[in-house]
PDB file of all heavy atoms in Angstrom:
ATOM      1  N   GLY A   1      11.441  -6.999 -11.050  1.00  0.00           N
ATOM      2  CA  GLY A   1      11.714  -8.041 -10.043  1.00  0.00           C
ATOM      3  C   GLY A   1      10.533  -8.171  -9.117  1.00  0.00           C
ATOM      4  O   GLY A   1      10.216  -9.284  -8.627  1.00  0.00           O
ATOM      5  N   LEU A   2       9.842  -7.091  -8.794  1.00  0.00           N
ATOM      6  CA  LEU A   2       8.687  -7.133  -7.910  1.00  0.00           C
ATOM      7  C   LEU A   2       7.519  -7.818  -8.643  1.00  0.00           C
ATOM      8  O   LEU A   2       6.845  -8.619  -8.017  1.00  0.00           O
ATOM      9  CB  LEU A   2       8.303  -5.718  -7.448  1.00  0.00           C
ATOM     10  CG  LEU A   2       7.111  -5.631  -6.524  1.00  0.00           C
ATOM     11  CD1 LEU A   2       7.381  -6.378  -5.253  1.00  0.00           C
ATOM     12  CD2 LEU A   2       6.834  -4.134  -6.206  1.00  0.00           C
ATOM     13  N   ILE A   3       7.363  -7.547  -9.896  1.00  0.00           N
ATOM     14  CA  ILE A   3       6.301  -8.159 -10.641  1.00  0.00           C
ATOM     15  C   ILE A   3       6.571  -9.688 -10.680  1.00  0.00           C
ATOM     16  O   ILE A   3       5.613 -10.482 -10.525  1.00  0.00           O
ATOM     17  CB  ILE A   3       6.229  -7.626 -12.090  1.00  0.00           C
ATOM     18  CG1 ILE A   3       5.796  -6.153 -12.085  1.00  0.00           C
ATOM     19  CG2 ILE A   3       5.240  -8.453 -12.983  1.00  0.00           C
ATOM     20  CD1 ILE A   3       4.374  -5.881 -11.709  1.00  0.00           C
ATOM     21  N   GLN A   4       7.783 -10.117 -10.880  1.00  0.00           N
ATOM     22  CA  GLN A   4       8.128 -11.535 -10.859  1.00  0.00           C
ATOM     23  C   GLN A   4       7.827 -12.162  -9.490  1.00  0.00           C
ATOM     24  O   GLN A   4       7.369 -13.285  -9.416  1.00  0.00           O
ATOM     25  CB  GLN A   4       9.580 -11.767 -11.236  1.00  0.00           C
ATOM     26  CG  GLN A   4       9.846 -11.465 -12.706  1.00  0.00           C
ATOM     27  CD  GLN A   4      11.312 -11.564 -13.048  1.00  0.00           C
ATOM     28  OE1 GLN A   4      12.157 -11.896 -12.208  1.00  0.00           O
ATOM     29  NE2 GLN A   4      11.639 -11.278 -14.324  1.00  0.00           N
ATOM     30  N   LEU A   5       8.069 -11.411  -8.441  1.00  0.00           N
ATOM     31  CA  LEU A   5       7.864 -11.895  -7.056  1.00  0.00           C
ATOM     32  C   LEU A   5       6.365 -12.074  -6.796  1.00  0.00           C
ATOM     33  O   LEU A   5       5.980 -13.134  -6.238  1.00  0.00           O
ATOM     34  CB  LEU A   5       8.454 -10.913  -6.054  1.00  0.00           C
ATOM     35  CG  LEU A   5       8.245 -11.261  -4.574  1.00  0.00           C
ATOM     36  CD1 LEU A   5       9.028 -12.468  -4.194  1.00  0.00           C
ATOM     37  CD2 LEU A   5       8.657 -10.040  -3.733  1.00  0.00           C
ATOM     38  N   ILE A   6       5.533 -11.106  -7.160  1.00  0.00           N
ATOM     39  CA  ILE A   6       4.129 -11.190  -6.829  1.00  0.00           C
ATOM     40  C   ILE A   6       3.264 -11.912  -7.857  1.00  0.00           C
ATOM     41  O   ILE A   6       2.143 -12.281  -7.588  1.00  0.00           O
ATOM     42  CB  ILE A   6       3.536  -9.797  -6.537  1.00  0.00           C
ATOM     43  CG1 ILE A   6       3.523  -8.936  -7.785  1.00  0.00           C
ATOM     44  CG2 ILE A   6       4.210  -9.113  -5.410  1.00  0.00           C
ATOM     45  CD1 ILE A   6       2.749  -7.641  -7.655  1.00  0.00           C
ATOM     46  N   GLY A   7       3.788 -12.120  -9.050  1.00  0.00           N
ATOM     47  CA  GLY A   7       3.003 -12.761 -10.107  1.00  0.00           C
ATOM     48  C   GLY A   7       2.052 -11.716 -10.756  1.00  0.00           C
ATOM     49  O   GLY A   7       2.342 -10.542 -10.763  1.00  0.00           O
ATOM     50  N   THR A   8       0.968 -12.176 -11.249  1.00  0.00           N
ATOM     51  CA  THR A   8      -0.022 -11.293 -11.822  1.00  0.00           C
ATOM     52  C   THR A   8      -0.770 -10.548 -10.740  1.00  0.00           C
ATOM     53  O   THR A   8      -1.436 -11.153  -9.911  1.00  0.00           O
ATOM     54  CB  THR A   8      -1.077 -12.068 -12.667  1.00  0.00           C
ATOM     55  OG1 THR A   8      -0.345 -12.822 -13.668  1.00  0.00           O
ATOM     56  CG2 THR A   8      -2.045 -11.125 -13.363  1.00  0.00           C
ATOM     57  N   PRO A   9      -0.592  -9.207 -10.665  1.00  0.00           N
ATOM     58  CA  PRO A   9      -1.320  -8.423  -9.621  1.00  0.00           C
ATOM     59  C   PRO A   9      -2.794  -8.467  -9.836  1.00  0.00           C
ATOM     60  O   PRO A   9      -3.322  -8.311 -10.950  1.00  0.00           O
ATOM     61  CB  PRO A   9      -0.774  -7.039  -9.797  1.00  0.00           C
ATOM     62  CG  PRO A   9       0.408  -7.120 -10.685  1.00  0.00           C
ATOM     63  CD  PRO A   9       0.228  -8.336 -11.487  1.00  0.00           C
ATOM     64  N   VAL A  10      -3.544  -8.692  -8.780  1.00  0.00           N
ATOM     65  CA  VAL A  10      -5.028  -8.748  -8.847  1.00  0.00           C
ATOM     66  C   VAL A  10      -5.539  -7.522  -8.065  1.00  0.00           C
ATOM     67  O   VAL A  10      -5.289  -7.467  -6.820  1.00  0.00           O
ATOM     68  CB  VAL A  10      -5.533 -10.053  -8.212  1.00  0.00           C
ATOM     69  CG1 VAL A  10      -7.040 -10.099  -8.232  1.00  0.00           C
ATOM     70  CG2 VAL A  10      -4.953 -11.278  -8.981  1.00  0.00           C
ATOM     71  N   LEU A  11      -6.268  -6.690  -8.716  1.00  0.00           N
ATOM     72  CA  LEU A  11      -6.808  -5.482  -8.067  1.00  0.00           C
ATOM     73  C   LEU A  11      -7.752  -5.871  -6.936  1.00  0.00           C
ATOM     74  O   LEU A  11      -8.695  -6.630  -7.143  1.00  0.00           O
ATOM     75  CB  LEU A  11      -7.490  -4.592  -9.070  1.00  0.00           C
ATOM     76  CG  LEU A  11      -8.073  -3.293  -8.508  1.00  0.00           C
ATOM     77  CD1 LEU A  11      -6.988  -2.374  -7.951  1.00  0.00           C
ATOM     78  CD2 LEU A  11      -8.923  -2.569  -9.543  1.00  0.00           C
ATOM     79  N   VAL A  12      -7.544  -5.260  -5.742  1.00  0.00           N
ATOM     80  CA  VAL A  12      -8.415  -5.487  -4.612  1.00  0.00           C
ATOM     81  C   VAL A  12      -9.356  -4.313  -4.453  1.00  0.00           C
ATOM     82  O   VAL A  12     -10.569  -4.439  -4.392  1.00  0.00           O
ATOM     83  CB  VAL A  12      -7.586  -5.645  -3.321  1.00  0.00           C
ATOM     84  CG1 VAL A  12      -8.503  -5.752  -2.103  1.00  0.00           C
ATOM     85  CG2 VAL A  12      -6.683  -6.903  -3.394  1.00  0.00           C
ATOM     86  N   THR A  13      -8.785  -3.090  -4.434  1.00  0.00           N
ATOM     87  CA  THR A  13      -9.605  -1.886  -4.241  1.00  0.00           C
ATOM     88  C   THR A  13      -8.805  -0.616  -4.480  1.00  0.00           C
ATOM     89  O   THR A  13      -7.588  -0.679  -4.622  1.00  0.00           O
ATOM     90  CB  THR A  13     -10.184  -1.841  -2.840  1.00  0.00           C
ATOM     91  OG1 THR A  13     -11.227  -0.848  -2.734  1.00  0.00           O
ATOM     92  CG2 THR A  13      -9.135  -1.578  -1.765  1.00  0.00           C
ATOM     93  N   HIS A  14      -9.520   0.471  -4.560  1.00  0.00           N
ATOM     94  CA  HIS A  14      -8.926   1.804  -4.597  1.00  0.00           C
ATOM     95  C   HIS A  14      -9.438   2.511  -3.344  1.00  0.00           C
ATOM     96  O   HIS A  14     -10.592   2.287  -2.949  1.00  0.00           O
ATOM     97  CB  HIS A  14      -9.383   2.612  -5.779  1.00  0.00           C
ATOM     98  CG  HIS A  14      -9.083   1.961  -7.126  1.00  0.00           C
ATOM     99  ND1 HIS A  14      -7.816   1.870  -7.632  1.00  0.00           N
ATOM    100  CD2 HIS A  14      -9.909   1.453  -8.056  1.00  0.00           C
ATOM    101  CE1 HIS A  14      -7.873   1.258  -8.791  1.00  0.00           C
ATOM    102  NE2 HIS A  14      -9.118   0.976  -9.082  1.00  0.00           N
ATOM    103  N   MET A  15      -8.655   3.396  -2.730  1.00  0.00           N
ATOM    104  CA  MET A  15      -9.138   4.155  -1.535  1.00  0.00           C
ATOM    105  C   MET A  15      -8.330   5.419  -1.342  1.00  0.00           C
ATOM    106  O   MET A  15      -7.173   5.486  -1.797  1.00  0.00           O
ATOM    107  CB  MET A  15      -9.115   3.274  -0.304  1.00  0.00           C
ATOM    108  CG  MET A  15      -7.733   2.979   0.216  1.00  0.00           C
ATOM    109  SD  MET A  15      -7.699   2.140   1.845  1.00  0.00           S
ATOM    110  CE  MET A  15      -8.760   0.760   1.557  1.00  0.00           C
ATOM    111  N   MET A  16      -8.927   6.338  -0.716  1.00  0.00           N
ATOM    112  CA  MET A  16      -8.256   7.573  -0.301  1.00  0.00           C
ATOM    113  C   MET A  16      -7.628   7.293   1.047  1.00  0.00           C
ATOM    114  O   MET A  16      -8.299   6.780   1.968  1.00  0.00           O
ATOM    115  CB  MET A  16      -9.256   8.747  -0.205  1.00  0.00           C
ATOM    116  CG  MET A  16      -8.616  10.058   0.133  1.00  0.00           C
ATOM    117  SD  MET A  16      -7.417  10.636  -1.134  1.00  0.00           S
ATOM    118  CE  MET A  16      -8.523  11.108  -2.420  1.00  0.00           C
ATOM    119  N   VAL A  17      -6.366   7.652   1.189  1.00  0.00           N
ATOM    120  CA  VAL A  17      -5.653   7.393   2.450  1.00  0.00           C
ATOM    121  C   VAL A  17      -5.010   8.708   2.912  1.00  0.00           C
ATOM    122  O   VAL A  17      -4.420   9.466   2.128  1.00  0.00           O
ATOM    123  CB  VAL A  17      -4.526   6.364   2.244  1.00  0.00           C
ATOM    124  CG1 VAL A  17      -3.705   6.168   3.499  1.00  0.00           C
ATOM    125  CG2 VAL A  17      -5.102   5.038   1.819  1.00  0.00           C
ATOM    126  N   ASP A  18      -5.166   8.958   4.186  1.00  0.00           N
ATOM    127  CA  ASP A  18      -4.413  10.056   4.845  1.00  0.00           C
ATOM    128  C   ASP A  18      -3.731   9.465   6.071  1.00  0.00           C
ATOM    129  O   ASP A  18      -3.844   8.250   6.318  1.00  0.00           O
ATOM    130  CB  ASP A  18      -5.321  11.240   5.232  1.00  0.00           C
ATOM    131  CG  ASP A  18      -6.400  10.918   6.252  1.00  0.00           C
ATOM    132  OD1 ASP A  18      -6.241   9.895   6.967  1.00  0.00           O
ATOM    133  OD2 ASP A  18      -7.355  11.669   6.345  1.00  0.00           O
ATOM    134  N   GLU A  19      -3.004  10.287   6.782  1.00  0.00           N
ATOM    135  CA  GLU A  19      -2.203   9.764   7.940  1.00  0.00           C
ATOM    136  C   GLU A  19      -3.051   9.228   9.079  1.00  0.00           C
ATOM    137  O   GLU A  19      -2.534   8.562   9.974  1.00  0.00           O
ATOM    138  CB  GLU A  19      -1.216  10.827   8.439  1.00  0.00           C
ATOM    139  CG  GLU A  19      -1.846  12.049   8.974  1.00  0.00           C
ATOM    140  CD  GLU A  19      -2.154  13.122   7.913  1.00  0.00           C
ATOM    141  OE1 GLU A  19      -1.809  12.908   6.724  1.00  0.00           O
ATOM    142  OE2 GLU A  19      -2.701  14.153   8.253  1.00  0.00           O
ATOM    143  N   HIS A  20      -4.371   9.408   9.053  1.00  0.00           N
ATOM    144  CA  HIS A  20      -5.216   8.941  10.125  1.00  0.00           C
ATOM    145  C   HIS A  20      -5.951   7.635   9.796  1.00  0.00           C
ATOM    146  O   HIS A  20      -6.617   7.078  10.646  1.00  0.00           O
ATOM    147  CB  HIS A  20      -6.282  10.012  10.451  1.00  0.00           C
ATOM    148  CG  HIS A  20      -5.698  11.324  10.853  1.00  0.00           C
ATOM    149  ND1 HIS A  20      -4.966  11.510  11.995  1.00  0.00           N
ATOM    150  CD2 HIS A  20      -5.662  12.525  10.180  1.00  0.00           C
ATOM    151  CE1 HIS A  20      -4.537  12.786  12.052  1.00  0.00           C
ATOM    152  NE2 HIS A  20      -4.975  13.408  10.979  1.00  0.00           N
ATOM    153  N   LYS A  21      -5.760   7.159   8.563  1.00  0.00           N
ATOM    154  CA  LYS A  21      -6.420   5.902   8.162  1.00  0.00           C
ATOM    155  C   LYS A  21      -5.839   4.773   8.932  1.00  0.00           C
ATOM    156  O   LYS A  21      -4.639   4.691   9.180  1.00  0.00           O
ATOM    157  CB  LYS A  21      -6.177   5.704   6.638  1.00  0.00           C
ATOM    158  CG  LYS A  21      -6.754   4.436   6.118  1.00  0.00           C
ATOM    159  CD  LYS A  21      -8.233   4.565   5.934  1.00  0.00           C
ATOM    160  CE  LYS A  21      -8.756   3.286   5.216  1.00  0.00           C
ATOM    161  NZ  LYS A  21     -10.176   3.123   5.445  1.00  0.00           N
ATOM    162  N   LYS A  22      -6.664   3.814   9.360  1.00  0.00           N
ATOM    163  CA  LYS A  22      -6.231   2.664  10.134  1.00  0.00           C
ATOM    164  C   LYS A  22      -6.090   1.429   9.245  1.00  0.00           C
ATOM    165  O   LYS A  22      -6.965   1.114   8.440  1.00  0.00           O
ATOM    166  CB  LYS A  22      -7.272   2.320  11.201  1.00  0.00           C
ATOM    167  CG  LYS A  22      -7.536   3.447  12.191  1.00  0.00           C
ATOM    168  CD  LYS A  22      -6.347   3.613  13.096  1.00  0.00           C
ATOM    169  CE  LYS A  22      -6.711   4.658  14.174  1.00  0.00           C
ATOM    170  NZ  LYS A  22      -5.565   5.092  14.949  1.00  0.00           N
ATOM    171  N   PHE A  23      -4.939   0.805   9.328  1.00  0.00           N
ATOM    172  CA  PHE A  23      -4.655  -0.433   8.631  1.00  0.00           C
ATOM    173  C   PHE A  23      -4.240  -1.453   9.677  1.00  0.00           C
ATOM    174  O   PHE A  23      -3.681  -1.116  10.712  1.00  0.00           O
ATOM    175  CB  PHE A  23      -3.522  -0.289   7.609  1.00  0.00           C
ATOM    176  CG  PHE A  23      -3.908   0.511   6.398  1.00  0.00           C
ATOM    177  CD1 PHE A  23      -3.623   1.874   6.379  1.00  0.00           C
ATOM    178  CD2 PHE A  23      -4.492  -0.079   5.316  1.00  0.00           C
ATOM    179  CE1 PHE A  23      -3.957   2.661   5.247  1.00  0.00           C
ATOM    180  CE2 PHE A  23      -4.853   0.686   4.209  1.00  0.00           C
ATOM    181  CZ  PHE A  23      -4.581   2.046   4.176  1.00  0.00           C
ATOM    182  N   ALA A  24      -4.433  -2.712   9.393  1.00  0.00           N
ATOM    183  CA  ALA A  24      -4.130  -3.765  10.395  1.00  0.00           C
ATOM    184  C   ALA A  24      -2.630  -3.996  10.550  1.00  0.00           C
ATOM    185  O   ALA A  24      -2.163  -4.256  11.625  1.00  0.00           O
ATOM    186  CB  ALA A  24      -4.786  -5.071   9.978  1.00  0.00           C
ATOM    187  N   LYS A  25      -1.883  -3.900   9.435  1.00  0.00           N
ATOM    188  CA  LYS A  25      -0.471  -4.294   9.481  1.00  0.00           C
ATOM    189  C   LYS A  25       0.555  -3.198   9.203  1.00  0.00           C
ATOM    190  O   LYS A  25       1.733  -3.463   9.151  1.00  0.00           O
ATOM    191  CB  LYS A  25      -0.235  -5.481   8.550  1.00  0.00           C
ATOM    192  CG  LYS A  25      -1.060  -6.679   8.938  1.00  0.00           C
ATOM    193  CD  LYS A  25      -0.681  -7.887   8.141  1.00  0.00           C
ATOM    194  CE  LYS A  25      -1.470  -9.078   8.647  1.00  0.00           C
ATOM    195  NZ  LYS A  25      -0.949 -10.288   8.190  1.00  0.00           N
ATOM    196  N   VAL A  26       0.097  -1.994   8.989  1.00  0.00           N
ATOM    197  CA  VAL A  26       1.031  -0.896   8.667  1.00  0.00           C
ATOM    198  C   VAL A  26       0.434   0.429   9.127  1.00  0.00           C
ATOM    199  O   VAL A  26      -0.803   0.596   9.097  1.00  0.00           O
ATOM    200  CB  VAL A  26       1.371  -0.837   7.172  1.00  0.00           C
ATOM    201  CG1 VAL A  26       0.141  -0.534   6.328  1.00  0.00           C
ATOM    202  CG2 VAL A  26       2.472   0.090   6.862  1.00  0.00           C
ATOM    203  N   LYS A  27       1.273   1.327   9.533  1.00  0.00           N
ATOM    204  CA  LYS A  27       0.834   2.680   9.872  1.00  0.00           C
ATOM    205  C   LYS A  27       0.625   3.428   8.546  1.00  0.00           C
ATOM    206  O   LYS A  27       1.470   3.340   7.659  1.00  0.00           O
ATOM    207  CB  LYS A  27       1.846   3.387  10.738  1.00  0.00           C
ATOM    208  CG  LYS A  27       2.027   2.834  12.133  1.00  0.00           C
ATOM    209  CD  LYS A  27       3.056   3.613  12.859  1.00  0.00           C
ATOM    210  CE  LYS A  27       3.248   3.058  14.268  1.00  0.00           C
ATOM    211  NZ  LYS A  27       4.293   3.792  14.994  1.00  0.00           N
ATOM    212  N   ALA A  28      -0.415   4.211   8.485  1.00  0.00           N
ATOM    213  CA  ALA A  28      -0.698   4.963   7.257  1.00  0.00           C
ATOM    214  C   ALA A  28       0.452   5.874   6.902  1.00  0.00           C
ATOM    215  O   ALA A  28       0.782   6.013   5.732  1.00  0.00           O
ATOM    216  CB  ALA A  28      -1.991   5.756   7.431  1.00  0.00           C
ATOM    217  N   GLU A  29       1.108   6.477   7.904  1.00  0.00           N
ATOM    218  CA  GLU A  29       2.236   7.359   7.654  1.00  0.00           C
ATOM    219  C   GLU A  29       3.351   6.617   6.946  1.00  0.00           C
ATOM    220  O   GLU A  29       3.988   7.111   5.987  1.00  0.00           O
ATOM    221  CB  GLU A  29       2.788   7.952   8.933  1.00  0.00           C
ATOM    222  CG  GLU A  29       1.847   8.796   9.695  1.00  0.00           C
ATOM    223  CD  GLU A  29       2.286   9.121  11.103  1.00  0.00           C
ATOM    224  OE1 GLU A  29       3.269   8.469  11.597  1.00  0.00           O
ATOM    225  OE2 GLU A  29       1.706  10.006  11.761  1.00  0.00           O
ATOM    226  N   ASP A  30       3.673   5.372   7.403  1.00  0.00           N
ATOM    227  CA  ASP A  30       4.698   4.578   6.792  1.00  0.00           C
ATOM    228  C   ASP A  30       4.359   4.149   5.373  1.00  0.00           C
ATOM    229  O   ASP A  30       5.207   4.153   4.492  1.00  0.00           O
ATOM    230  CB  ASP A  30       5.009   3.318   7.630  1.00  0.00           C
ATOM    231  CG  ASP A  30       5.518   3.669   9.030  1.00  0.00           C
ATOM    232  OD1 ASP A  30       6.063   4.819   9.199  1.00  0.00           O
ATOM    233  OD2 ASP A  30       5.417   2.822   9.911  1.00  0.00           O
ATOM    234  N   LEU A  31       3.114   3.833   5.156  1.00  0.00           N
ATOM    235  CA  LEU A  31       2.615   3.417   3.873  1.00  0.00           C
ATOM    236  C   LEU A  31       2.790   4.609   2.862  1.00  0.00           C
ATOM    237  O   LEU A  31       3.312   4.423   1.757  1.00  0.00           O
ATOM    238  CB  LEU A  31       1.186   2.971   3.963  1.00  0.00           C
ATOM    239  CG  LEU A  31       0.540   2.495   2.631  1.00  0.00           C
ATOM    240  CD1 LEU A  31      -0.145   1.163   2.850  1.00  0.00           C
ATOM    241  CD2 LEU A  31      -0.432   3.537   2.136  1.00  0.00           C
ATOM    242  N   LEU A  32       2.292   5.746   3.272  1.00  0.00           N
ATOM    243  CA  LEU A  32       2.322   6.931   2.388  1.00  0.00           C
ATOM    244  C   LEU A  32       3.811   7.346   2.105  1.00  0.00           C
ATOM    245  O   LEU A  32       4.158   7.686   0.963  1.00  0.00           O
ATOM    246  CB  LEU A  32       1.577   8.094   3.000  1.00  0.00           C
ATOM    247  CG  LEU A  32       0.088   7.904   3.095  1.00  0.00           C
ATOM    248  CD1 LEU A  32      -0.553   8.984   3.946  1.00  0.00           C
ATOM    249  CD2 LEU A  32      -0.557   7.844   1.736  1.00  0.00           C
ATOM    250  N   SER A  33       4.657   7.261   3.129  1.00  0.00           N
ATOM    251  CA  SER A  33       6.078   7.601   2.930  1.00  0.00           C
ATOM    252  C   SER A  33       6.748   6.644   1.923  1.00  0.00           C
ATOM    253  O   SER A  33       7.496   7.091   1.062  1.00  0.00           O
ATOM    254  CB  SER A  33       6.826   7.521   4.252  1.00  0.00           C
ATOM    255  OG  SER A  33       6.445   8.539   5.082  1.00  0.00           O
ATOM    256  N   ALA A  34       6.469   5.365   2.052  1.00  0.00           N
ATOM    257  CA  ALA A  34       7.058   4.366   1.133  1.00  0.00           C
ATOM    258  C   ALA A  34       6.590   4.605  -0.291  1.00  0.00           C
ATOM    259  O   ALA A  34       7.399   4.549  -1.215  1.00  0.00           O
ATOM    260  CB  ALA A  34       6.689   2.934   1.616  1.00  0.00           C
ATOM    261  N   ILE A  35       5.322   4.866  -0.449  1.00  0.00           N
ATOM    262  CA  ILE A  35       4.790   5.141  -1.792  1.00  0.00           C
ATOM    263  C   ILE A  35       5.470   6.392  -2.416  1.00  0.00           C
ATOM    264  O   ILE A  35       5.842   6.413  -3.547  1.00  0.00           O
ATOM    265  CB  ILE A  35       3.259   5.253  -1.789  1.00  0.00           C
ATOM    266  CG1 ILE A  35       2.626   3.895  -1.463  1.00  0.00           C
ATOM    267  CG2 ILE A  35       2.727   5.747  -3.149  1.00  0.00           C
ATOM    268  CD1 ILE A  35       1.122   3.931  -1.266  1.00  0.00           C
ATOM    269  N   GLN A  36       5.626   7.426  -1.575  1.00  0.00           N
ATOM    270  CA  GLN A  36       6.258   8.640  -2.061  1.00  0.00           C
ATOM    271  C   GLN A  36       7.720   8.406  -2.416  1.00  0.00           C
ATOM    272  O   GLN A  36       8.198   8.894  -3.430  1.00  0.00           O
ATOM    273  CB  GLN A  36       6.217   9.719  -0.981  1.00  0.00           C
ATOM    274  CG  GLN A  36       5.151  10.772  -1.258  1.00  0.00           C
ATOM    275  CD  GLN A  36       5.306  11.956  -0.346  1.00  0.00           C
ATOM    276  OE1 GLN A  36       5.725  11.822   0.834  1.00  0.00           O
ATOM    277  NE2 GLN A  36       4.919  13.108  -0.858  1.00  0.00           N
ATOM    278  N   GLU A  37       8.444   7.677  -1.591  1.00  0.00           N
ATOM    279  CA  GLU A  37       9.862   7.492  -1.788  1.00  0.00           C
ATOM    280  C   GLU A  37      10.221   6.421  -2.843  1.00  0.00           C
ATOM    281  O   GLU A  37      11.071   6.633  -3.691  1.00  0.00           O
ATOM    282  CB  GLU A  37      10.557   7.078  -0.455  1.00  0.00           C
ATOM    283  CG  GLU A  37      10.530   8.189   0.557  1.00  0.00           C
ATOM    284  CD  GLU A  37      10.954   7.750   1.945  1.00  0.00           C
ATOM    285  OE1 GLU A  37      11.603   6.671   2.076  1.00  0.00           O
ATOM    286  OE2 GLU A  37      10.699   8.487   2.906  1.00  0.00           O
TER     287      GLU A  37
END
């Protein structure tokens, strides 16, 4: 269902993330938790 929603995923980048990484629209802690869960 997610693939249908986003269409063909286009790779933007790879990166190392820890809880101190700054993102404009999400806290790194929330991002990492969501990926884990």
